[in-house]
Amino acid sequence: MPDMNRLSCVRVEEDKVTQHFYSYSLNGKAPGLLHPGLTSIGYYEWISMNEWVSFELPEPFYLVRHLNSQRRADTLANRVGRTFWYLRSKGVLSFVDKSDSNHWKIRVIDKRGFKIQLPQSQIIIPCLQKLCLAKKTIVLCRMAVF
């Protein structure tokens, strides 16, 4: 977690359907359920101690912004890929837009206004599975199924 005192994770419960967001103390204390009402979180990215973004189920998958202090959740986009990344140095969130099933796009959301846009150099790739970010470059990866 951003404060470096706890570790957070998504935990799949015994029913193999419910997916909760947990926080674990680094000193071994019992875990805490961060958002009991949220049962379909897939992946997440912390923006700050008060703000985080999540990929949520079911299909069409959603990208949701959460504000802890306001107990508020806003859907930023739907039909998204499971890869997204907050670039702290730029103040932008990048994600894979799968609204066109034949041409997926990398989109960028500027944190200052939360407006979705294409990056300056548009990238459209069929069947993009993973988005990897290097220091100043976006690297596209494909998943192999064996």
Foldseek 3Di string as FASTA:
>chain_A
DQVPQWDWDWDQDPVNQFIFIWIGGPVGDDIDGPDVVQGFFDDKDDPHPQKIWTFGDDPQIWIWIAGNVVRDIDTLDTNWAREKDQDNVQQKIWTWHCPPVQWIWIWIARNVVRDIDGPPDTDTDGQFHYWDDDPPDIDTDHDDDD
